[in-house]
């Protein structure tokens, strides 16, 4: 059997070096050690996952891995600033917003950010409307607000 734990660590290290993203990579546990075997590992971010295709190049455990689509992370800091500006302009209150640190940039991905306002925490639902970093967010308190920002 192939030592997939070694493959997982190598993929995670490559993603960190190339994209500055910390991921948790998981590969199938039972992969035969044979040239030409193909399998898919998953690199998980704080929000979202990314498939990495792996092919064994020889019977000695060497592998080649690649992504078919580019890995892109959402500009989370920009989303946080946009929510803070919305709260300031609509409620006249200062806020500190925190979102998950590493979010895959892909249409339909949803996550929650938290706004800290006067020592109280308020959740905001965020959804990516396209793969270019545009999001829509809605405060989930009373009437809340509904805004759109480019990320």
N, C-alpha and C. Protein backbone atom coordinates (compact mmCIF):
# COMPACT_ATOMS: atom_id res chain seq x y z
N UNK A 1 0.84 -1.19 0.00
CA UNK A 1 0.00 0.00 0.00
C UNK A 1 0.88 1.26 0.00
N UNK A 2 0.35 2.29 -0.61
CA UNK A 2 1.03 3.58 -0.67
C UNK A 2 0.88 4.30 0.67
N UNK A 3 1.92 4.99 1.10
CA UNK A 3 1.86 5.78 2.33
C UNK A 3 1.19 7.12 2.01
N UNK A 4 -0.14 7.15 2.12
CA UNK A 4 -0.86 8.37 1.74
C UNK A 4 -0.66 9.50 2.74
N UNK A 5 -0.26 9.21 3.97
CA UNK A 5 0.02 10.28 4.94
C UNK A 5 1.17 11.16 4.44
N UNK A 6 2.16 10.54 3.80
CA UNK A 6 3.27 11.30 3.23
C UNK A 6 2.78 12.18 2.08
N UNK A 7 1.90 11.65 1.27
CA UNK A 7 1.32 12.41 0.15
C UNK A 7 0.53 13.59 0.70
N UNK A 8 -0.27 13.36 1.74
CA UNK A 8 -1.06 14.44 2.36
C UNK A 8 -0.16 15.58 2.83
N UNK A 9 0.92 15.23 3.51
CA UNK A 9 1.84 16.27 4.01
C UNK A 9 2.50 17.03 2.86
N UNK A 10 2.87 16.32 1.80
CA UNK A 10 3.52 16.97 0.65
C UNK A 10 2.56 17.94 -0.05
N UNK A 11 1.31 17.53 -0.21
CA UNK A 11 0.33 18.41 -0.86
C UNK A 11 0.07 19.64 0.01
N UNK A 12 -0.10 19.44 1.31
CA UNK A 12 -0.33 20.57 2.22
C UNK A 12 0.85 21.54 2.18
N UNK A 13 2.06 21.02 2.15
CA UNK A 13 3.25 21.88 2.09
C UNK A 13 3.31 22.66 0.78
N UNK A 14 2.94 22.02 -0.33
CA UNK A 14 2.93 22.70 -1.62
C UNK A 14 1.89 23.82 -1.65
N UNK A 15 0.70 23.56 -1.11
CA UNK A 15 -0.34 24.58 -1.08
C UNK A 15 0.09 25.75 -0.20
N UNK A 16 0.71 25.46 0.92
CA UNK A 16 1.20 26.52 1.80
C UNK A 16 2.26 27.36 1.07
N UNK A 17 3.20 26.70 0.41
CA UNK A 17 4.27 27.42 -0.28
C UNK A 17 3.76 28.23 -1.47
N UNK A 18 2.82 27.67 -2.24
CA UNK A 18 2.36 28.32 -3.46
C UNK A 18 1.23 29.33 -3.24
N UNK A 19 0.38 29.08 -2.22
CA UNK A 19 -0.82 29.92 -2.05
C UNK A 19 -0.91 30.56 -0.67
N UNK A 20 0.03 30.27 0.20
CA UNK A 20 0.03 30.79 1.57
C UNK A 20 -1.27 30.43 2.30
N UNK A 21 -1.74 29.20 2.09
CA UNK A 21 -2.96 28.71 2.73
C UNK A 21 -2.64 27.46 3.54
N UNK A 22 -3.11 27.44 4.76
CA UNK A 22 -2.98 26.24 5.60
C UNK A 22 -4.18 25.35 5.33
N UNK A 23 -3.92 24.14 4.89
CA UNK A 23 -5.00 23.21 4.58
C UNK A 23 -4.81 21.91 5.34
N UNK A 24 -5.88 21.20 5.50
CA UNK A 24 -5.85 19.84 6.04
C UNK A 24 -6.16 18.94 4.85
N UNK A 25 -5.19 18.15 4.44
CA UNK A 25 -5.34 17.31 3.27
C UNK A 25 -5.67 15.88 3.70
N UNK A 26 -6.65 15.30 3.02
CA UNK A 26 -6.97 13.90 3.27
C UNK A 26 -7.01 13.15 1.96
N UNK A 27 -6.40 11.97 1.97
CA UNK A 27 -6.35 11.09 0.81
C UNK A 27 -7.01 9.77 1.21
N UNK A 28 -7.43 8.98 0.22
CA UNK A 28 -7.97 7.67 0.57
C UNK A 28 -6.92 6.86 1.34
N UNK A 29 -7.33 6.14 2.38
CA UNK A 29 -6.36 5.42 3.21
C UNK A 29 -5.77 4.18 2.54
N UNK A 30 -6.51 3.54 1.67
CA UNK A 30 -6.07 2.28 1.06
C UNK A 30 -5.84 2.48 -0.44
N UNK A 31 -4.62 2.82 -0.80
CA UNK A 31 -4.28 3.01 -2.22
C UNK A 31 -3.18 2.02 -2.57
N UNK A 32 -3.40 1.18 -3.60
CA UNK A 32 -2.34 0.23 -3.98
C UNK A 32 -1.09 0.97 -4.45
N UNK A 33 0.05 0.38 -4.21
CA UNK A 33 1.32 0.97 -4.63
C UNK A 33 1.67 0.39 -6.00
N UNK A 34 1.27 1.15 -7.04
CA UNK A 34 1.46 0.64 -8.40
C UNK A 34 1.46 1.83 -9.37
N UNK A 35 2.37 1.81 -10.32
CA UNK A 35 2.45 2.88 -11.32
C UNK A 35 1.12 3.02 -12.05
N UNK A 36 0.70 4.27 -12.27
CA UNK A 36 -0.51 4.56 -13.02
C UNK A 36 -1.76 4.66 -12.18
N UNK A 37 -1.70 4.28 -10.90
CA UNK A 37 -2.88 4.39 -10.05
C UNK A 37 -3.22 5.86 -9.86
N UNK A 38 -4.49 6.17 -10.03
CA UNK A 38 -4.97 7.55 -9.93
C UNK A 38 -5.96 7.63 -8.76
N UNK A 39 -5.86 8.70 -7.95
CA UNK A 39 -6.81 8.91 -6.87
C UNK A 39 -6.90 10.41 -6.59
N UNK A 40 -7.89 10.80 -5.82
CA UNK A 40 -8.13 12.21 -5.54
C UNK A 40 -8.03 12.44 -4.03
N UNK A 41 -7.26 13.44 -3.66
CA UNK A 41 -7.16 13.89 -2.27
C UNK A 41 -7.96 15.19 -2.14
N UNK A 42 -8.31 15.54 -0.93
CA UNK A 42 -9.08 16.76 -0.69
C UNK A 42 -8.31 17.66 0.26
N UNK A 43 -8.11 18.90 -0.16
CA UNK A 43 -7.47 19.91 0.68
C UNK A 43 -8.58 20.76 1.28
N UNK A 44 -8.74 20.68 2.58
CA UNK A 44 -9.81 21.44 3.25
C UNK A 44 -9.30 22.75 3.80
N UNK A 45 -10.03 23.83 3.51
CA UNK A 45 -9.75 25.14 4.08
C UNK A 45 -10.69 25.33 5.28
N UNK A 46 -10.64 26.48 5.94
CA UNK A 46 -11.60 26.74 7.01
C UNK A 46 -13.03 26.61 6.49
N UNK A 47 -13.25 27.10 5.27
CA UNK A 47 -14.54 26.96 4.59
C UNK A 47 -14.25 26.52 3.17
N UNK A 48 -14.74 25.36 2.79
CA UNK A 48 -14.58 24.86 1.44
C UNK A 48 -13.47 23.84 1.32
N UNK A 49 -13.52 23.10 0.24
CA UNK A 49 -12.53 22.06 -0.02
C UNK A 49 -12.10 22.13 -1.48
N UNK A 50 -10.92 21.59 -1.74
CA UNK A 50 -10.31 21.67 -3.05
C UNK A 50 -9.78 20.29 -3.44
N UNK A 51 -10.22 19.73 -4.58
CA UNK A 51 -9.72 18.42 -4.98
C UNK A 51 -8.33 18.51 -5.62
N UNK A 52 -7.49 17.54 -5.28
CA UNK A 52 -6.15 17.46 -5.86
C UNK A 52 -6.00 16.06 -6.46
N UNK A 53 -5.76 16.00 -7.76
CA UNK A 53 -5.62 14.71 -8.45
C UNK A 53 -4.19 14.21 -8.30
N UNK A 54 -4.07 12.94 -7.96
CA UNK A 54 -2.76 12.32 -7.71
C UNK A 54 -2.62 11.09 -8.60
N UNK A 55 -1.44 10.94 -9.19
CA UNK A 55 -1.13 9.76 -9.99
C UNK A 55 0.21 9.20 -9.54
N UNK A 56 0.25 7.90 -9.31
CA UNK A 56 1.52 7.26 -8.97
C UNK A 56 2.35 7.12 -10.25
N UNK A 57 3.59 7.57 -10.18
CA UNK A 57 4.43 7.55 -11.38
C UNK A 57 5.28 6.29 -11.49
N UNK A 58 5.44 5.57 -10.37
CA UNK A 58 6.18 4.31 -10.42
C UNK A 58 5.71 3.42 -9.25
N UNK A 59 6.20 2.24 -9.21
CA UNK A 59 5.82 1.30 -8.15
C UNK A 59 6.55 1.55 -6.84
N UNK A 60 7.44 2.54 -6.81
CA UNK A 60 8.22 2.82 -5.61
C UNK A 60 7.59 3.87 -4.71
N UNK A 61 6.39 4.31 -5.03
CA UNK A 61 5.71 5.27 -4.18
C UNK A 61 5.81 6.72 -4.62
N UNK A 62 6.46 6.96 -5.76
CA UNK A 62 6.52 8.34 -6.26
C UNK A 62 5.17 8.73 -6.85
N UNK A 63 4.79 10.00 -6.62
CA UNK A 63 3.51 10.49 -7.13
C UNK A 63 3.68 11.85 -7.79
N UNK A 64 2.71 12.17 -8.62
CA UNK A 64 2.60 13.50 -9.22
C UNK A 64 1.20 13.98 -8.86
N UNK A 65 1.09 15.22 -8.43
CA UNK A 65 -0.24 15.74 -8.13
C UNK A 65 -0.41 17.08 -8.80
N UNK A 66 -1.69 17.37 -9.12
CA UNK A 66 -1.99 18.60 -9.83
C UNK A 66 -3.43 19.00 -9.55
N UNK A 67 -3.69 20.24 -9.85
CA UNK A 67 -5.05 20.73 -9.75
C UNK A 67 -5.53 21.05 -11.16
N UNK A 68 -6.76 20.72 -11.43
CA UNK A 68 -7.32 21.01 -12.76
C UNK A 68 -7.79 22.46 -12.85
N UNK A 69 -8.19 23.01 -11.73
CA UNK A 69 -8.64 24.40 -11.68
C UNK A 69 -7.77 25.13 -10.67
N UNK A 70 -7.53 26.40 -10.88
CA UNK A 70 -6.67 27.12 -9.93
C UNK A 70 -7.33 27.23 -8.55
N UNK A 71 -6.51 27.14 -7.53
CA UNK A 71 -6.97 27.31 -6.16
C UNK A 71 -6.95 28.80 -5.85
N UNK A 72 -8.10 29.33 -5.44
CA UNK A 72 -8.19 30.74 -5.11
C UNK A 72 -8.93 30.90 -3.79
N UNK A 73 -8.40 31.76 -2.95
CA UNK A 73 -9.03 32.05 -1.66
C UNK A 73 -9.72 33.42 -1.74
N UNK A 74 -10.80 33.52 -1.02
CA UNK A 74 -11.54 34.77 -0.93
C UNK A 74 -10.74 35.79 -0.13
N UNK A 75 -10.83 37.05 -0.48
CA UNK A 75 -10.19 38.12 0.28
C UNK A 75 -11.06 38.40 1.50
N UNK A 76 -10.86 37.63 2.55
CA UNK A 76 -11.69 37.68 3.75
C UNK A 76 -11.57 39.04 4.44
N UNK A 77 -10.39 39.62 4.46
CA UNK A 77 -10.21 40.93 5.12
C UNK A 77 -11.09 41.98 4.44
N UNK A 78 -11.24 41.89 3.15
CA UNK A 78 -12.08 42.85 2.43
C UNK A 78 -13.55 42.68 2.81
N UNK A 79 -13.99 41.44 2.98
CA UNK A 79 -15.37 41.18 3.41
C UNK A 79 -15.58 41.73 4.82
N UNK A 80 -14.62 41.50 5.71
CA UNK A 80 -14.73 42.01 7.08
C UNK A 80 -14.85 43.54 7.08
N UNK A 81 -14.00 44.21 6.30
CA UNK A 81 -14.06 45.68 6.24
C UNK A 81 -15.40 46.17 5.69
N UNK A 82 -15.92 45.48 4.69
CA UNK A 82 -17.20 45.90 4.09
C UNK A 82 -18.34 45.80 5.10
N UNK A 83 -18.36 44.72 5.87
CA UNK A 83 -19.41 44.57 6.88
C UNK A 83 -19.25 45.65 7.95
N UNK A 84 -18.02 45.92 8.38
CA UNK A 84 -17.77 46.99 9.36
C UNK A 84 -18.27 48.33 8.84
N UNK A 85 -17.99 48.64 7.56
CA UNK A 85 -18.45 49.90 6.97
C UNK A 85 -19.98 49.96 6.92
N UNK A 86 -20.62 48.87 6.60
CA UNK A 86 -22.09 48.84 6.56
C UNK A 86 -22.68 49.12 7.93
N UNK A 87 -22.12 48.51 8.96
CA UNK A 87 -22.62 48.73 10.32
C UNK A 87 -22.42 50.19 10.72
N UNK A 88 -21.25 50.73 10.38
CA UNK A 88 -20.96 52.13 10.71
C UNK A 88 -21.91 53.08 9.98
N UNK A 89 -22.17 52.82 8.70
CA UNK A 89 -23.02 53.74 7.94
C UNK A 89 -24.50 53.57 8.27
N UNK A 90 -24.95 52.36 8.54
CA UNK A 90 -26.38 52.14 8.78
C UNK A 90 -26.79 52.30 10.24
N UNK A 91 -25.89 51.93 11.15
CA UNK A 91 -26.24 51.97 12.58
C UNK A 91 -25.45 53.01 13.37
N UNK A 92 -24.47 53.63 12.70
CA UNK A 92 -23.61 54.62 13.35
C UNK A 92 -22.87 54.02 14.56
N UNK A 93 -22.44 52.77 14.39
CA UNK A 93 -21.73 52.06 15.45
C UNK A 93 -20.42 51.51 14.92
N UNK A 94 -19.42 51.50 15.78
CA UNK A 94 -18.14 50.88 15.42
C UNK A 94 -18.25 49.38 15.67
N UNK A 95 -17.67 48.60 14.77
CA UNK A 95 -17.73 47.15 14.90
C UNK A 95 -16.39 46.56 14.50
N UNK A 96 -16.12 45.39 15.06
CA UNK A 96 -15.00 44.58 14.62
C UNK A 96 -15.59 43.28 14.11
N UNK A 97 -15.30 42.95 12.87
CA UNK A 97 -15.88 41.76 12.25
C UNK A 97 -14.81 40.70 12.06
N UNK A 98 -15.18 39.47 12.36
CA UNK A 98 -14.28 38.34 12.21
C UNK A 98 -14.97 37.28 11.36
N UNK A 99 -14.27 36.83 10.33
CA UNK A 99 -14.76 35.76 9.46
C UNK A 99 -13.75 34.61 9.52
N UNK A 100 -14.12 33.43 9.03
CA UNK A 100 -13.13 32.36 8.94
C UNK A 100 -11.93 32.85 8.13
N UNK A 101 -10.74 32.45 8.52
CA UNK A 101 -9.52 32.99 7.92
C UNK A 101 -9.31 32.56 6.47
N UNK A 102 -9.60 31.32 6.15
CA UNK A 102 -9.31 30.82 4.81
C UNK A 102 -10.57 30.22 4.20
N UNK A 103 -11.08 30.92 3.20
CA UNK A 103 -12.33 30.54 2.55
C UNK A 103 -12.04 30.36 1.07
N UNK A 104 -12.45 29.24 0.52
CA UNK A 104 -12.26 29.01 -0.91
C UNK A 104 -13.13 30.00 -1.69
N UNK A 105 -12.60 30.49 -2.79
CA UNK A 105 -13.36 31.42 -3.64
C UNK A 105 -14.09 30.61 -4.70
N UNK A 106 -15.41 30.46 -4.48
CA UNK A 106 -16.23 29.66 -5.39
C UNK A 106 -17.69 30.05 -5.21
N UNK A 107 -18.39 30.19 -6.30
CA UNK A 107 -19.81 30.55 -6.25
C UNK A 107 -20.59 29.57 -5.38
N UNK A 108 -21.47 30.11 -4.55
CA UNK A 108 -22.33 29.29 -3.72
C UNK A 108 -21.79 28.94 -2.35
N UNK A 109 -20.52 29.22 -2.10
CA UNK A 109 -19.95 28.92 -0.78
C UNK A 109 -20.54 29.88 0.24
N UNK A 110 -20.99 29.32 1.36
CA UNK A 110 -21.62 30.12 2.41
C UNK A 110 -20.86 29.95 3.71
N UNK A 111 -20.81 31.01 4.50
CA UNK A 111 -20.15 30.97 5.80
C UNK A 111 -20.71 32.07 6.68
N UNK A 112 -20.31 32.08 7.93
CA UNK A 112 -20.80 33.07 8.88
C UNK A 112 -19.64 33.90 9.42
N UNK A 113 -19.85 35.21 9.45
CA UNK A 113 -18.92 36.14 10.10
C UNK A 113 -19.61 36.66 11.36
N UNK A 114 -18.81 37.15 12.29
CA UNK A 114 -19.36 37.67 13.53
C UNK A 114 -18.91 39.11 13.73
N UNK A 115 -19.89 39.98 13.98
CA UNK A 115 -19.60 41.39 14.27
C UNK A 115 -19.65 41.60 15.77
N UNK A 116 -18.61 42.19 16.32
CA UNK A 116 -18.56 42.53 17.73
C UNK A 116 -18.87 44.03 17.83
N UNK A 117 -20.04 44.34 18.41
CA UNK A 117 -20.51 45.72 18.54
C UNK A 117 -20.83 45.97 20.00
N UNK A 118 -20.10 46.90 20.61
CA UNK A 118 -20.33 47.20 22.03
C UNK A 118 -20.36 45.95 22.90
N UNK A 119 -19.40 45.07 22.67
CA UNK A 119 -19.24 43.82 23.43
C UNK A 119 -20.37 42.82 23.21
N UNK A 120 -21.17 43.02 22.20
CA UNK A 120 -22.19 42.04 21.83
C UNK A 120 -21.84 41.51 20.46
N UNK A 121 -22.17 40.24 20.25
CA UNK A 121 -21.80 39.57 18.99
C UNK A 121 -23.04 39.35 18.14
N UNK A 122 -22.90 39.66 16.84
CA UNK A 122 -24.00 39.50 15.89
C UNK A 122 -23.51 38.72 14.68
N UNK A 123 -24.22 37.65 14.30
CA UNK A 123 -23.80 36.86 13.14
C UNK A 123 -24.25 37.50 11.82
N UNK A 124 -23.44 37.31 10.82
CA UNK A 124 -23.76 37.73 9.45
C UNK A 124 -23.60 36.51 8.55
N UNK A 125 -24.65 36.20 7.79
CA UNK A 125 -24.57 35.13 6.79
C UNK A 125 -23.95 35.72 5.53
N UNK A 126 -22.94 35.03 5.01
CA UNK A 126 -22.24 35.50 3.81
C UNK A 126 -22.32 34.38 2.78
N UNK A 127 -22.61 34.76 1.54
CA UNK A 127 -22.59 33.79 0.45
C UNK A 127 -21.85 34.40 -0.74
N UNK A 128 -21.03 33.57 -1.37
CA UNK A 128 -20.32 34.01 -2.57
C UNK A 128 -21.26 33.90 -3.76
N UNK A 129 -21.45 35.00 -4.45
CA UNK A 129 -22.40 35.01 -5.57
C UNK A 129 -21.77 34.58 -6.88
N UNK A 130 -20.45 34.57 -6.95
CA UNK A 130 -19.75 34.10 -8.15
C UNK A 130 -18.35 33.65 -7.75
N UNK A 131 -17.59 33.21 -8.71
CA UNK A 131 -16.24 32.76 -8.45
C UNK A 131 -15.19 33.86 -8.52
N UNK A 132 -15.65 35.11 -8.62
CA UNK A 132 -14.73 36.25 -8.72
C UNK A 132 -14.56 36.99 -7.41
N UNK A 133 -15.16 36.49 -6.35
CA UNK A 133 -14.98 37.13 -5.05
C UNK A 133 -16.11 38.04 -4.64
N UNK A 134 -17.19 38.11 -5.40
CA UNK A 134 -18.33 38.93 -5.02
C UNK A 134 -19.17 38.16 -4.01
N UNK A 135 -19.55 38.85 -2.94
CA UNK A 135 -20.34 38.21 -1.89
C UNK A 135 -21.58 39.03 -1.58
N UNK A 136 -22.51 38.37 -0.93
CA UNK A 136 -23.69 39.02 -0.40
C UNK A 136 -23.74 38.66 1.08
N UNK A 137 -24.03 39.62 1.92
CA UNK A 137 -24.10 39.33 3.36
C UNK A 137 -25.35 39.94 3.96
N UNK A 138 -25.85 39.25 4.97
CA UNK A 138 -27.08 39.66 5.63
C UNK A 138 -26.89 39.50 7.13
N UNK A 139 -27.15 40.58 7.87
CA UNK A 139 -27.13 40.49 9.33
C UNK A 139 -28.34 39.70 9.80
N UNK A 140 -28.15 38.83 10.74
CA UNK A 140 -29.24 37.96 11.19
C UNK A 140 -29.82 38.43 12.52
N UNK A 141 -30.04 39.71 12.66
CA UNK A 141 -30.63 40.25 13.89
C UNK A 141 -31.75 41.20 13.50
N UNK A 142 -32.91 41.02 14.05
CA UNK A 142 -34.09 41.85 13.74
C UNK A 142 -34.25 41.97 12.24
N UNK A 143 -34.36 43.20 11.75
CA UNK A 143 -34.54 43.37 10.31
C UNK A 143 -33.22 43.20 9.57
N UNK A 144 -32.08 43.33 10.29
CA UNK A 144 -30.77 43.14 9.67
C UNK A 144 -30.54 44.10 8.52
N UNK A 145 -29.60 43.78 7.68
CA UNK A 145 -29.40 44.55 6.46
C UNK A 145 -28.90 43.61 5.39
N UNK A 146 -28.98 44.05 4.19
CA UNK A 146 -28.64 43.23 3.04
C UNK A 146 -27.75 44.07 2.14
N UNK A 147 -26.51 43.66 1.96
CA UNK A 147 -25.59 44.45 1.16
C UNK A 147 -24.75 43.53 0.30
N UNK A 148 -24.09 44.11 -0.69
CA UNK A 148 -23.23 43.36 -1.57
C UNK A 148 -21.88 44.06 -1.63
N UNK A 149 -20.81 43.26 -1.70
CA UNK A 149 -19.46 43.80 -1.76
C UNK A 149 -18.62 42.93 -2.67
N UNK A 150 -17.64 43.52 -3.33
CA UNK A 150 -16.69 42.76 -4.14
C UNK A 150 -15.53 42.39 -3.25
N UNK A 151 -15.07 41.15 -3.37
CA UNK A 151 -13.97 40.68 -2.54
C UNK A 151 -12.78 40.27 -3.34
